């Protein structure tokens, strides 16, 4: 199962999201946005630039929340899997396994 939400610059209307996860999705997106801004500041500094450089050139303007749920496979030896891919965004923050 996959949930794909474009959270910034134009977040979805809250009424378009399921009641069961609406509040937590907006809160999670807010917290990840804050983390992303901190990481962009640190990356800027690591590159010898002023801390706001990447934000100043608008590297923090878009945010996509992409959630995948992979339930346990009852017969993994028969699973085909997925193809190779890459993340097309400027910065990917991955929460994996728990």
PDB file of N, CA and C in Angstrom:
ATOM      1  N   UNK A   1       0.847  -1.177   0.000  1.00  0.00           N
ATOM      2  CA  UNK A   1       0.000   0.000   0.000  1.00  0.00           C
ATOM      3  C   UNK A   1       0.889   1.235   0.000  1.00  0.00           C
ATOM      4  N   UNK A   2       0.454   2.271  -0.681  1.00  0.00           N
ATOM      5  CA  UNK A   2       1.216   3.508  -0.772  1.00  0.00           C
ATOM      6  C   UNK A   2       0.306   4.702  -0.550  1.00  0.00           C
ATOM      7  N   UNK A   3       0.813   5.660   0.199  1.00  0.00           N
ATOM      8  CA  UNK A   3       0.145   6.939   0.402  1.00  0.00           C
ATOM      9  C   UNK A   3       1.095   8.017  -0.088  1.00  0.00           C
ATOM     10  N   UNK A   4       0.655   8.833  -1.050  1.00  0.00           N
ATOM     11  CA  UNK A   4       1.472   9.905  -1.622  1.00  0.00           C
ATOM     12  C   UNK A   4       0.745  11.213  -1.401  1.00  0.00           C
ATOM     13  N   UNK A   5       1.385  12.137  -0.676  1.00  0.00           N
ATOM     14  CA  UNK A   5       0.783  13.442  -0.406  1.00  0.00           C
ATOM     15  C   UNK A   5       1.791  14.542  -0.668  1.00  0.00           C
ATOM     16  N   UNK A   6       1.414  15.505  -1.449  1.00  0.00           N
ATOM     17  CA  UNK A   6       2.236  16.698  -1.644  1.00  0.00           C
ATOM     18  C   UNK A   6       1.832  17.661  -0.523  1.00  0.00           C
ATOM     19  N   UNK A   7       2.735  17.872   0.427  1.00  0.00           N
ATOM     20  CA  UNK A   7       2.416  18.655   1.625  1.00  0.00           C
ATOM     21  C   UNK A   7       2.828  20.118   1.500  1.00  0.00           C
ATOM     22  N   UNK A   8       3.750  20.449   0.614  1.00  0.00           N
ATOM     23  CA  UNK A   8       4.169  21.838   0.434  1.00  0.00           C
ATOM     24  C   UNK A   8       4.628  22.008  -0.997  1.00  0.00           C
ATOM     25  N   UNK A   9       4.408  23.134  -1.573  1.00  0.00           N
ATOM     26  CA  UNK A   9       3.948  24.365  -0.953  1.00  0.00           C
ATOM     27  C   UNK A   9       2.435  24.444  -0.750  1.00  0.00           C
ATOM     28  N   UNK A  10       1.665  23.561  -1.374  1.00  0.00           N
ATOM     29  CA  UNK A  10       0.207  23.600  -1.236  1.00  0.00           C
ATOM     30  C   UNK A  10      -0.296  22.295  -0.634  1.00  0.00           C
ATOM     31  N   UNK A  11      -0.512  22.265   0.678  1.00  0.00           N
ATOM     32  CA  UNK A  11      -0.950  21.024   1.316  1.00  0.00           C
ATOM     33  C   UNK A  11      -2.368  20.650   0.875  1.00  0.00           C
ATOM     34  N   UNK A  12      -2.696  19.369   1.001  1.00  0.00           N
ATOM     35  CA  UNK A  12      -4.046  18.951   0.646  1.00  0.00           C
ATOM     36  C   UNK A  12      -5.065  19.525   1.628  1.00  0.00           C
ATOM     37  N   UNK A  13      -6.279  19.590   1.203  1.00  0.00           N
ATOM     38  CA  UNK A  13      -7.367  20.004   2.088  1.00  0.00           C
ATOM     39  C   UNK A  13      -7.554  18.917   3.134  1.00  0.00           C
ATOM     40  N   UNK A  14      -7.635  19.295   4.378  1.00  0.00           N
ATOM     41  CA  UNK A  14      -7.756  18.325   5.476  1.00  0.00           C
ATOM     42  C   UNK A  14      -8.953  17.399   5.268  1.00  0.00           C
ATOM     43  N   UNK A  15     -10.020  17.912   4.692  1.00  0.00           N
ATOM     44  CA  UNK A  15     -11.212  17.083   4.476  1.00  0.00           C
ATOM     45  C   UNK A  15     -10.996  15.986   3.440  1.00  0.00           C
ATOM     46  N   UNK A  16      -9.920  16.088   2.658  1.00  0.00           N
ATOM     47  CA  UNK A  16      -9.624  15.067   1.656  1.00  0.00           C
ATOM     48  C   UNK A  16      -8.829  13.897   2.222  1.00  0.00           C
ATOM     49  N   UNK A  17      -8.412  14.009   3.478  1.00  0.00           N
ATOM     50  CA  UNK A  17      -7.626  12.956   4.116  1.00  0.00           C
ATOM     51  C   UNK A  17      -8.505  12.136   5.047  1.00  0.00           C
ATOM     52  N   UNK A  18      -8.182  10.865   5.216  1.00  0.00           N
ATOM     53  CA  UNK A  18      -8.973  10.026   6.135  1.00  0.00           C
ATOM     54  C   UNK A  18      -8.908  10.558   7.567  1.00  0.00           C
ATOM     55  N   UNK A  19     -10.040  10.522   8.246  1.00  0.00           N
ATOM     56  CA  UNK A  19     -10.101  10.974   9.640  1.00  0.00           C
ATOM     57  C   UNK A  19      -9.077  10.257  10.514  1.00  0.00           C
ATOM     58  N   UNK A  20      -8.862   8.976  10.242  1.00  0.00           N
ATOM     59  CA  UNK A  20      -8.010   8.158  11.102  1.00  0.00           C
ATOM     60  C   UNK A  20      -6.557   8.596  11.128  1.00  0.00           C
ATOM     61  N   UNK A  21      -6.100   9.323  10.092  1.00  0.00           N
ATOM     62  CA  UNK A  21      -4.688   9.709  10.074  1.00  0.00           C
ATOM     63  C   UNK A  21      -4.474  11.190   9.769  1.00  0.00           C
ATOM     64  N   UNK A  22      -5.513  11.954   9.641  1.00  0.00           N
ATOM     65  CA  UNK A  22      -5.417  13.363   9.238  1.00  0.00           C
ATOM     66  C   UNK A  22      -4.488  14.166  10.141  1.00  0.00           C
ATOM     67  N   UNK A  23      -4.773  14.157  11.420  1.00  0.00           N
ATOM     68  CA  UNK A  23      -3.986  14.989  12.350  1.00  0.00           C
ATOM     69  C   UNK A  23      -2.525  14.558  12.409  1.00  0.00           C
ATOM     70  N   UNK A  24      -2.300  13.257  12.449  1.00  0.00           N
ATOM     71  CA  UNK A  24      -0.926  12.778  12.568  1.00  0.00           C
ATOM     72  C   UNK A  24      -0.137  13.058  11.286  1.00  0.00           C
ATOM     73  N   UNK A  25      -0.784  13.030  10.128  1.00  0.00           N
ATOM     74  CA  UNK A  25      -0.085  13.338   8.886  1.00  0.00           C
ATOM     75  C   UNK A  25       0.387  14.780   8.851  1.00  0.00           C
ATOM     76  N   UNK A  26      -0.463  15.699   9.264  1.00  0.00           N
ATOM     77  CA  UNK A  26      -0.063  17.102   9.275  1.00  0.00           C
ATOM     78  C   UNK A  26       1.023  17.360  10.319  1.00  0.00           C
ATOM     79  N   UNK A  27       0.911  16.735  11.474  1.00  0.00           N
ATOM     80  CA  UNK A  27       1.934  16.909  12.509  1.00  0.00           C
ATOM     81  C   UNK A  27       3.262  16.297  12.062  1.00  0.00           C
ATOM     82  N   UNK A  28       3.207  15.117  11.485  1.00  0.00           N
ATOM     83  CA  UNK A  28       4.423  14.460  10.996  1.00  0.00           C
ATOM     84  C   UNK A  28       5.088  15.308   9.905  1.00  0.00           C
ATOM     85  N   UNK A  29       4.297  15.805   8.971  1.00  0.00           N
ATOM     86  CA  UNK A  29       4.839  16.645   7.903  1.00  0.00           C
ATOM     87  C   UNK A  29       5.502  17.895   8.484  1.00  0.00           C
ATOM     88  N   UNK A  30       4.895  18.468   9.500  1.00  0.00           N
ATOM     89  CA  UNK A  30       5.461  19.658  10.148  1.00  0.00           C
ATOM     90  C   UNK A  30       6.822  19.323  10.776  1.00  0.00           C
ATOM     91  N   UNK A  31       6.888  18.210  11.492  1.00  0.00           N
ATOM     92  CA  UNK A  31       8.132  17.818  12.154  1.00  0.00           C
ATOM     93  C   UNK A  31       9.225  17.473  11.132  1.00  0.00           C
ATOM     94  N   UNK A  32       8.855  16.792  10.053  1.00  0.00           N
ATOM     95  CA  UNK A  32       9.838  16.456   9.020  1.00  0.00           C
ATOM     96  C   UNK A  32      10.320  17.722   8.315  1.00  0.00           C
ATOM     97  N   UNK A  33       9.437  18.676   8.104  1.00  0.00           N
ATOM     98  CA  UNK A  33       9.829  19.959   7.489  1.00  0.00           C
ATOM     99  C   UNK A  33      10.865  20.654   8.373  1.00  0.00           C
ATOM    100  N   UNK A  34      10.632  20.668   9.689  1.00  0.00           N
ATOM    101  CA  UNK A  34      11.600  21.266  10.617  1.00  0.00           C
ATOM    102  C   UNK A  34      12.944  20.536  10.555  1.00  0.00           C
ATOM    103  N   UNK A  35      12.905  19.212  10.536  1.00  0.00           N
ATOM    104  CA  UNK A  35      14.132  18.426  10.430  1.00  0.00           C
ATOM    105  C   UNK A  35      14.843  18.740   9.117  1.00  0.00           C
ATOM    106  N   UNK A  36      14.097  18.792   8.031  1.00  0.00           N
ATOM    107  CA  UNK A  36      14.682  19.116   6.732  1.00  0.00           C
ATOM    108  C   UNK A  36      15.358  20.475   6.727  1.00  0.00           C
ATOM    109  N   UNK A  37      14.716  21.467   7.340  1.00  0.00           N
ATOM    110  CA  UNK A  37      15.322  22.801   7.414  1.00  0.00           C
ATOM    111  C   UNK A  37      16.625  22.776   8.206  1.00  0.00           C
ATOM    112  N   UNK A  38      16.648  22.029   9.288  1.00  0.00           N
ATOM    113  CA  UNK A  38      17.875  21.899  10.078  1.00  0.00           C
ATOM    114  C   UNK A  38      18.973  21.225   9.268  1.00  0.00           C
ATOM    115  N   UNK A  39      18.608  20.153   8.553  1.00  0.00           N
ATOM    116  CA  UNK A  39      19.602  19.459   7.730  1.00  0.00           C
ATOM    117  C   UNK A  39      20.128  20.356   6.614  1.00  0.00           C
ATOM    118  N   UNK A  40      19.260  21.170   6.006  1.00  0.00           N
ATOM    119  CA  UNK A  40      19.715  22.087   4.969  1.00  0.00           C
ATOM    120  C   UNK A  40      20.679  23.128   5.532  1.00  0.00           C
ATOM    121  N   UNK A  41      20.426  23.588   6.753  1.00  0.00           N
ATOM    122  CA  UNK A  41      21.360  24.528   7.396  1.00  0.00           C
ATOM    123  C   UNK A  41      22.718  23.865   7.606  1.00  0.00           C
ATOM    124  N   UNK A  42      22.695  22.629   8.103  1.00  0.00           N
ATOM    125  CA  UNK A  42      23.946  21.912   8.346  1.00  0.00           C
ATOM    126  C   UNK A  42      24.686  21.618   7.042  1.00  0.00           C
ATOM    127  N   UNK A  43      23.957  21.245   6.000  1.00  0.00           N
ATOM    128  CA  UNK A  43      24.582  21.010   4.696  1.00  0.00           C
ATOM    129  C   UNK A  43      25.199  22.292   4.149  1.00  0.00           C
ATOM    130  N   UNK A  44      24.490  23.400   4.299  1.00  0.00           N
ATOM    131  CA  UNK A  44      25.029  24.686   3.841  1.00  0.00           C
ATOM    132  C   UNK A  44      26.344  24.998   4.546  1.00  0.00           C
ATOM    133  N   UNK A  45      26.337  24.860   5.858  1.00  0.00           N
ATOM    134  CA  UNK A  45      27.548  25.133   6.632  1.00  0.00           C
ATOM    135  C   UNK A  45      28.679  24.192   6.232  1.00  0.00           C
ATOM    136  N   UNK A  46      28.350  22.903   6.024  1.00  0.00           N
ATOM    137  CA  UNK A  46      29.373  21.922   5.634  1.00  0.00           C
ATOM    138  C   UNK A  46      29.988  22.260   4.282  1.00  0.00           C
ATOM    139  N   UNK A  47      29.229  22.942   3.445  1.00  0.00           N
ATOM    140  CA  UNK A  47      29.732  23.367   2.134  1.00  0.00           C
ATOM    141  C   UNK A  47      30.452  24.716   2.198  1.00  0.00           C
ATOM    142  N   UNK A  48      30.574  25.259   3.416  1.00  0.00           N
ATOM    143  CA  UNK A  48      31.261  26.538   3.586  1.00  0.00           C
ATOM    144  C   UNK A  48      30.397  27.737   3.223  1.00  0.00           C
ATOM    145  N   UNK A  49      29.096  27.551   3.216  1.00  0.00           N
ATOM    146  CA  UNK A  49      28.162  28.622   2.869  1.00  0.00           C
ATOM    147  C   UNK A  49      27.472  29.118   4.124  1.00  0.00           C
ATOM    148  N   UNK A  50      26.785  30.238   4.012  1.00  0.00           N
ATOM    149  CA  UNK A  50      26.017  30.700   5.175  1.00  0.00           C
ATOM    150  C   UNK A  50      24.886  29.707   5.429  1.00  0.00           C
ATOM    151  N   UNK A  51      24.499  29.520   6.689  1.00  0.00           N
ATOM    152  CA  UNK A  51      23.511  28.494   7.041  1.00  0.00           C
ATOM    153  C   UNK A  51      22.200  28.573   6.258  1.00  0.00           C
ATOM    154  N   UNK A  52      21.797  29.741   5.842  1.00  0.00           N
ATOM    155  CA  UNK A  52      20.515  29.893   5.153  1.00  0.00           C
ATOM    156  C   UNK A  52      20.631  29.730   3.632  1.00  0.00           C
ATOM    157  N   UNK A  53      21.821  29.417   3.122  1.00  0.00           N
ATOM    158  CA  UNK A  53      22.025  29.418   1.671  1.00  0.00           C
ATOM    159  C   UNK A  53      21.042  28.518   0.917  1.00  0.00           C
ATOM    160  N   UNK A  54      20.926  27.254   1.302  1.00  0.00           N
ATOM    161  CA  UNK A  54      20.039  26.342   0.582  1.00  0.00           C
ATOM    162  C   UNK A  54      18.574  26.754   0.718  1.00  0.00           C
ATOM    163  N   UNK A  55      18.202  27.298   1.855  1.00  0.00           N
ATOM    164  CA  UNK A  55      16.840  27.819   2.007  1.00  0.00           C
ATOM    165  C   UNK A  55      16.647  29.073   1.157  1.00  0.00           C
ATOM    166  N   UNK A  56      17.676  29.903   1.081  1.00  0.00           N
ATOM    167  CA  UNK A  56      17.591  31.132   0.284  1.00  0.00           C
ATOM    168  C   UNK A  56      17.377  30.834  -1.198  1.00  0.00           C
ATOM    169  N   UNK A  57      17.912  29.724  -1.675  1.00  0.00           N
ATOM    170  CA  UNK A  57      17.702  29.376  -3.085  1.00  0.00           C
ATOM    171  C   UNK A  57      16.521  28.403  -3.232  1.00  0.00           C
ATOM    172  N   UNK A  58      15.708  28.348  -2.199  1.00  0.00           N
ATOM    173  CA  UNK A  58      14.409  27.662  -2.180  1.00  0.00           C
ATOM    174  C   UNK A  58      14.485  26.145  -2.318  1.00  0.00           C
ATOM    175  N   UNK A  59      15.518  25.560  -1.752  1.00  0.00           N
ATOM    176  CA  UNK A  59      15.615  24.099  -1.749  1.00  0.00           C
ATOM    177  C   UNK A  59      14.641  23.460  -0.754  1.00  0.00           C
ATOM    178  N   UNK A  60      14.017  24.270   0.064  1.00  0.00           N
ATOM    179  CA  UNK A  60      13.104  23.752   1.088  1.00  0.00           C
ATOM    180  C   UNK A  60      11.636  24.069   0.795  1.00  0.00           C
ATOM    181  N   UNK A  61      11.305  24.385  -0.436  1.00  0.00           N
ATOM    182  CA  UNK A  61       9.949  24.828  -0.739  1.00  0.00           C
ATOM    183  C   UNK A  61       8.952  23.693  -0.961  1.00  0.00           C
ATOM    184  N   UNK A  62       9.396  22.569  -1.433  1.00  0.00           N
ATOM    185  CA  UNK A  62       8.482  21.464  -1.711  1.00  0.00           C
ATOM    186  C   UNK A  62       8.632  20.380  -0.664  1.00  0.00           C
ATOM    187  N   UNK A  63       7.533  19.691  -0.399  1.00  0.00           N
ATOM    188  CA  UNK A  63       7.583  18.559   0.519  1.00  0.00           C
ATOM    189  C   UNK A  63       6.558  17.532   0.062  1.00  0.00           C
ATOM    190  N   UNK A  64       7.037  16.320  -0.136  1.00  0.00           N
ATOM    191  CA  UNK A  64       6.176  15.207  -0.495  1.00  0.00           C
ATOM    192  C   UNK A  64       6.289  14.171   0.611  1.00  0.00           C
ATOM    193  N   UNK A  65       5.166  13.694   1.061  1.00  0.00           N
ATOM    194  CA  UNK A  65       5.129  12.634   2.062  1.00  0.00           C
ATOM    195  C   UNK A  65       4.732  11.364   1.324  1.00  0.00           C
ATOM    196  N   UNK A  66       5.627  10.409   1.297  1.00  0.00           N
ATOM    197  CA  UNK A  66       5.402   9.159   0.585  1.00  0.00           C
ATOM    198  C   UNK A  66       5.555   8.022   1.579  1.00  0.00           C
ATOM    199  N   UNK A  67       4.488   7.301   1.793  1.00  0.00           N
ATOM    200  CA  UNK A  67       4.491   6.217   2.788  1.00  0.00           C
ATOM    201  C   UNK A  67       4.201   4.897   2.086  1.00  0.00           C
ATOM    202  N   UNK A  68       5.049   3.925   2.322  1.00  0.00           N
ATOM    203  CA  UNK A  68       4.837   2.580   1.789  1.00  0.00           C
ATOM    204  C   UNK A  68       4.648   1.625   2.956  1.00  0.00           C
ATOM    205  N   UNK A  69       3.710   0.735   2.814  1.00  0.00           N
ATOM    206  CA  UNK A  69       3.529  -0.330   3.794  1.00  0.00           C
ATOM    207  C   UNK A  69       3.735  -1.652   3.079  1.00  0.00           C
ATOM    208  N   UNK A  70       4.723  -2.376   3.546  1.00  0.00           N
ATOM    209  CA  UNK A  70       5.010  -3.688   2.987  1.00  0.00           C
ATOM    210  C   UNK A  70       4.664  -4.740   4.043  1.00  0.00           C
ATOM    211  N   UNK A  71       3.505  -5.355   3.940  1.00  0.00           N
ATOM    212  CA  UNK A  71       3.158  -6.379   4.932  1.00  0.00           C
ATOM    213  C   UNK A  71       4.088  -7.584   4.782  1.00  0.00           C
ATOM    214  N   UNK A  72       4.214  -8.384   5.826  1.00  0.00           N
ATOM    215  CA  UNK A  72       5.052  -9.577   5.727  1.00  0.00           C
ATOM    216  C   UNK A  72       4.575 -10.464   4.574  1.00  0.00           C
ATOM    217  N   UNK A  73       5.519 -10.967   3.836  1.00  0.00           N
ATOM    218  CA  UNK A  73       5.200 -11.828   2.696  1.00  0.00           C
ATOM    219  C   UNK A  73       5.132 -13.275   3.176  1.00  0.00           C
ATOM    220  N   UNK A  74       4.003 -13.951   2.958  1.00  0.00           N
ATOM    221  CA  UNK A  74       3.895 -15.337   3.433  1.00  0.00           C
ATOM    222  C   UNK A  74       4.790 -16.314   2.666  1.00  0.00           C
ATOM    223  N   UNK A  75       5.171 -15.966   1.423  1.00  0.00           N
ATOM    224  CA  UNK A  75       6.057 -16.820   0.632  1.00  0.00           C
ATOM    225  C   UNK A  75       7.102 -15.942  -0.067  1.00  0.00           C
ATOM    226  N   UNK A  76       8.090 -15.437   0.666  1.00  0.00           N
ATOM    227  CA  UNK A  76       9.060 -14.511   0.081  1.00  0.00           C
ATOM    228  C   UNK A  76       9.833 -15.095  -1.099  1.00  0.00           C
ATOM    229  N   UNK A  77       9.975 -16.409  -1.146  1.00  0.00           N
ATOM    230  CA  UNK A  77      10.698 -17.018  -2.264  1.00  0.00           C
ATOM    231  C   UNK A  77       9.947 -16.871  -3.595  1.00  0.00           C
ATOM    232  N   UNK A  78       8.664 -16.536  -3.523  1.00  0.00           N
ATOM    233  CA  UNK A  78       7.867 -16.351  -4.735  1.00  0.00           C
ATOM    234  C   UNK A  78       7.676 -14.880  -5.096  1.00  0.00           C
ATOM    235  N   UNK A  79       8.181 -13.988  -4.247  1.00  0.00           N
ATOM    236  CA  UNK A  79       7.988 -12.551  -4.475  1.00  0.00           C
ATOM    237  C   UNK A  79       8.845 -12.079  -5.648  1.00  0.00           C
ATOM    238  N   UNK A  80       8.268 -11.227  -6.467  1.00  0.00           N
ATOM    239  CA  UNK A  80       8.978 -10.679  -7.617  1.00  0.00           C
ATOM    240  C   UNK A  80       9.780  -9.453  -7.211  1.00  0.00           C
ATOM    241  N   UNK A  81       9.286  -8.664  -6.303  1.00  0.00           N
ATOM    242  CA  UNK A  81       9.983  -7.458  -5.861  1.00  0.00           C
ATOM    243  C   UNK A  81       9.650  -6.264  -6.725  1.00  0.00           C
ATOM    244  N   UNK A  82      10.469  -5.262  -6.662  1.00  0.00           N
ATOM    245  CA  UNK A  82      10.238  -4.036  -7.415  1.00  0.00           C
ATOM    246  C   UNK A  82      11.485  -3.673  -8.206  1.00  0.00           C
ATOM    247  N   UNK A  83      11.332  -2.778  -9.128  1.00  0.00           N
ATOM    248  CA  UNK A  83      12.472  -2.383  -9.951  1.00  0.00           C
ATOM    249  C   UNK A  83      13.326  -1.351  -9.214  1.00  0.00           C
ATOM    250  N   UNK A  84      14.538  -1.139  -9.732  1.00  0.00           N
ATOM    251  CA  UNK A  84      15.404  -0.106  -9.174  1.00  0.00           C
ATOM    252  C   UNK A  84      14.738   1.240  -9.349  1.00  0.00           C
ATOM    253  N   UNK A  85      15.045   2.138  -8.448  1.00  0.00           N
ATOM    254  CA  UNK A  85      14.510   3.489  -8.552  1.00  0.00           C
ATOM    255  C   UNK A  85      15.473   4.450  -7.879  1.00  0.00           C
ATOM    256  N   UNK A  86      15.201   5.714  -8.049  1.00  0.00           N
ATOM    257  CA  UNK A  86      15.949   6.737  -7.336  1.00  0.00           C
ATOM    258  C   UNK A  86      14.951   7.766  -6.830  1.00  0.00           C
ATOM    259  N   UNK A  87      15.339   8.468  -5.806  1.00  0.00           N
ATOM    260  CA  UNK A  87      14.490   9.524  -5.260  1.00  0.00           C
ATOM    261  C   UNK A  87      14.839  10.812  -5.983  1.00  0.00           C
ATOM    262  N   UNK A  88      13.846  11.404  -6.632  1.00  0.00           N
ATOM    263  CA  UNK A  88      14.086  12.558  -7.476  1.00  0.00           C
ATOM    264  C   UNK A  88      14.150  13.887  -6.757  1.00  0.00           C
ATOM    265  N   UNK A  89      13.912  13.899  -5.472  1.00  0.00           N
ATOM    266  CA  UNK A  89      13.921  15.159  -4.737  1.00  0.00           C
ATOM    267  C   UNK A  89      15.322  15.621  -4.380  1.00  0.00           C
ATOM    268  N   UNK A  90      15.403  16.834  -3.855  1.00  0.00           N
ATOM    269  CA  UNK A  90      16.684  17.407  -3.448  1.00  0.00           C
ATOM    270  C   UNK A  90      17.245  16.674  -2.237  1.00  0.00           C
ATOM    271  N   UNK A  91      16.374  16.340  -1.296  1.00  0.00           N
ATOM    272  CA  UNK A  91      16.796  15.686  -0.056  1.00  0.00           C
ATOM    273  C   UNK A  91      15.718  14.689   0.332  1.00  0.00           C
ATOM    274  N   UNK A  92      16.117  13.467   0.620  1.00  0.00           N
ATOM    275  CA  UNK A  92      15.179  12.439   1.064  1.00  0.00           C
ATOM    276  C   UNK A  92      15.473  12.119   2.514  1.00  0.00           C
ATOM    277  N   UNK A  93      14.445  12.177   3.345  1.00  0.00           N
ATOM    278  CA  UNK A  93      14.553  11.775   4.754  1.00  0.00           C
ATOM    279  C   UNK A  93      13.760  10.487   4.870  1.00  0.00           C
ATOM    280  N   UNK A  94      14.425   9.428   5.256  1.00  0.00           N
ATOM    281  CA  UNK A  94      13.825   8.107   5.264  1.00  0.00           C
ATOM    282  C   UNK A  94      13.645   7.615   6.693  1.00  0.00           C
ATOM    283  N   UNK A  95      12.416   7.235   7.015  1.00  0.00           N
ATOM    284  CA  UNK A  95      12.122   6.555   8.271  1.00  0.00           C
ATOM    285  C   UNK A  95      11.842   5.104   7.899  1.00  0.00           C
ATOM    286  N   UNK A  96      12.673   4.212   8.382  1.00  0.00           N
ATOM    287  CA  UNK A  96      12.584   2.819   7.967  1.00  0.00           C
ATOM    288  C   UNK A  96      12.420   1.921   9.171  1.00  0.00           C
ATOM    289  N   UNK A  97      11.553   0.918   9.045  1.00  0.00           N
ATOM    290  CA  UNK A  97      11.403  -0.123  10.070  1.00  0.00           C
ATOM    291  C   UNK A  97      11.175   0.442  11.471  1.00  0.00           C
ATOM    292  N   UNK A  98       9.957   0.756  11.760  1.00  0.00           N
ATOM    293  CA  UNK A  98       9.518   1.250  13.056  1.00  0.00           C
ATOM    294  C   UNK A  98       9.477   2.755  13.037  1.00  0.00           C
TER     295      UNK A  98
END
